[in-house]
Protein backbone atom coordinates (compact mmCIF):
# COMPACT_ATOMS: atom_id res chain seq x y z
CA UNK A 1 0.00 0.00 0.00
CA UNK A 2 2.88 2.35 0.74
CA UNK A 3 4.10 2.18 -2.86
CA UNK A 4 0.71 3.39 -4.07
CA UNK A 5 1.09 6.50 -1.94
CA UNK A 6 4.49 7.08 -3.55
CA UNK A 7 2.94 6.88 -6.99
CA UNK A 8 0.23 9.40 -6.20
CA UNK A 9 2.68 11.81 -4.60
CA UNK A 10 4.93 11.65 -7.66
CA UNK A 11 1.93 12.23 -9.92
CA UNK A 12 0.77 15.18 -7.81
CA UNK A 13 4.22 16.74 -7.87
CA UNK A 14 4.50 16.33 -11.64
CA UNK A 15 1.01 17.76 -12.13
CA UNK A 16 1.70 20.80 -9.96
CA UNK A 17 4.98 21.39 -11.74
CA UNK A 18 3.27 21.06 -15.11
CA UNK A 19 0.58 23.61 -14.25
CA UNK A 20 3.26 26.02 -13.05
CA UNK A 21 5.08 25.55 -16.33
CA UNK A 22 1.86 26.13 -18.27
CA UNK A 23 1.40 29.44 -16.48
CA UNK A 24 4.99 30.47 -17.21
CA UNK A 25 4.61 29.54 -20.88
CA UNK A 26 1.39 31.57 -21.13
CA UNK A 27 3.11 34.59 -19.60
CA UNK A 28 5.96 34.26 -22.07
CA UNK A 29 3.50 33.95 -24.96
CA UNK A 30 1.83 37.16 -23.78
CA UNK A 31 5.21 38.90 -23.68
CA UNK A 32 5.86 37.78 -27.27
CA UNK A 33 2.47 39.12 -28.37
CA UNK A 34 3.24 42.47 -26.73
CA UNK A 35 6.65 42.61 -28.41
CA UNK A 36 5.10 41.77 -31.78
CA UNK A 37 2.65 44.65 -31.29
CA UNK A 38 5.60 46.92 -30.55
CA UNK A 39 7.31 45.74 -33.75
CA UNK A 40 4.16 46.58 -35.71
CA UNK A 41 3.85 49.96 -34.00
CA UNK A 42 7.49 50.75 -34.72
CA UNK A 43 6.95 49.87 -38.37
CA UNK A 44 4.21 52.53 -38.47
CA UNK A 45 6.12 55.11 -36.44
CA UNK A 46 7.59 58.30 -37.84
CA UNK A 47 11.13 57.29 -36.88
CA UNK A 48 13.76 57.31 -39.61
CA UNK A 49 14.56 53.96 -41.28
CA UNK A 50 17.78 53.35 -39.33
CA UNK A 51 16.06 53.98 -35.96
CA UNK A 52 13.16 51.74 -36.95
CA UNK A 53 15.56 48.98 -37.96
CA UNK A 54 17.52 49.24 -34.71
CA UNK A 55 14.39 49.16 -32.56
CA UNK A 56 12.81 46.29 -34.53
CA UNK A 57 16.02 44.25 -34.29
CA UNK A 58 16.13 44.77 -30.53
CA UNK A 59 12.48 43.71 -30.19
CA UNK A 60 13.06 40.65 -32.38
CA UNK A 61 16.08 39.68 -30.30
CA UNK A 62 13.88 39.78 -27.19
CA UNK A 63 11.31 37.60 -28.96
CA UNK A 64 13.98 35.03 -29.83
CA UNK A 65 15.21 35.07 -26.23
CA UNK A 66 11.70 34.47 -24.88
CA UNK A 67 11.12 31.67 -27.39
CA UNK A 68 14.29 30.02 -26.11
CA UNK A 69 12.96 30.28 -22.54
CA UNK A 70 9.71 28.65 -23.65
CA UNK A 71 11.59 25.81 -25.30
CA UNK A 72 13.61 25.30 -22.12
CA UNK A 73 10.46 25.10 -20.01
CA UNK A 74 8.90 22.62 -22.42
CA UNK A 75 12.08 20.56 -22.47
CA UNK A 76 12.17 20.52 -18.67
CA UNK A 77 8.51 19.46 -18.61
CA UNK A 78 9.27 16.62 -21.01
CA UNK A 79 12.19 15.50 -18.84
CA UNK A 80 10.04 15.67 -15.69
CA UNK A 81 7.30 13.61 -17.34
CA UNK A 82 9.84 11.01 -18.42
CA UNK A 83 11.33 10.91 -14.91
CA UNK A 84 7.90 10.69 -13.30
CA UNK A 85 6.92 7.86 -15.61
CA UNK A 86 10.11 5.95 -14.81
CA UNK A 87 9.55 6.44 -11.07
CA UNK A 88 5.97 5.21 -11.39
CA UNK A 89 7.12 2.16 -13.33
CA UNK A 90 9.82 1.46 -10.74
CA UNK A 91 7.29 1.73 -7.91
CA UNK A 92 4.85 -0.54 -9.74
CA UNK A 93 7.63 -3.10 -10.29
CA UNK A 94 8.55 -2.92 -6.60
CA UNK A 95 4.88 -3.51 -5.69
CA UNK A 96 4.72 -6.47 -8.03
CA UNK A 97 7.94 -7.94 -6.65
CA UNK A 98 6.71 -7.41 -3.10
CA UNK A 99 3.43 -9.22 -3.82
CA UNK A 100 5.24 -12.14 -5.46
CA UNK A 101 7.67 -12.38 -2.53
CA UNK A 102 4.76 -12.23 -0.09
CA UNK A 103 2.98 -15.09 -1.87
CA UNK A 104 6.15 -17.19 -1.89
CA UNK A 105 6.54 -16.71 1.87
CA UNK A 106 2.89 -17.67 2.43
CA UNK A 107 3.35 -20.79 0.31
CA UNK A 108 6.44 -21.82 2.26
CA UNK A 109 4.75 -21.38 5.65
């Protein structure tokens, strides 16, 4: 029974971590949308061409940086899911082995 509690606690931890990551990704997506609006606004501004280009490049660099952060979060989530799955499988195997051992002991008695 103890192993089942381990499984649920691992699942709860992974789920909480995943929802936190979802929130972070949404915030980053919102930042990208805001930066894209700024790029559009700069394209329509009265700044000279060189100033526009400089500002747009800076905004695009920020967008690329945020996209990299999003990829990192998603990669971490994938790694956590893989780790959680492996832990769950290990716990299930331990439960199975424990039950088999328990039955063998009962048979010998």
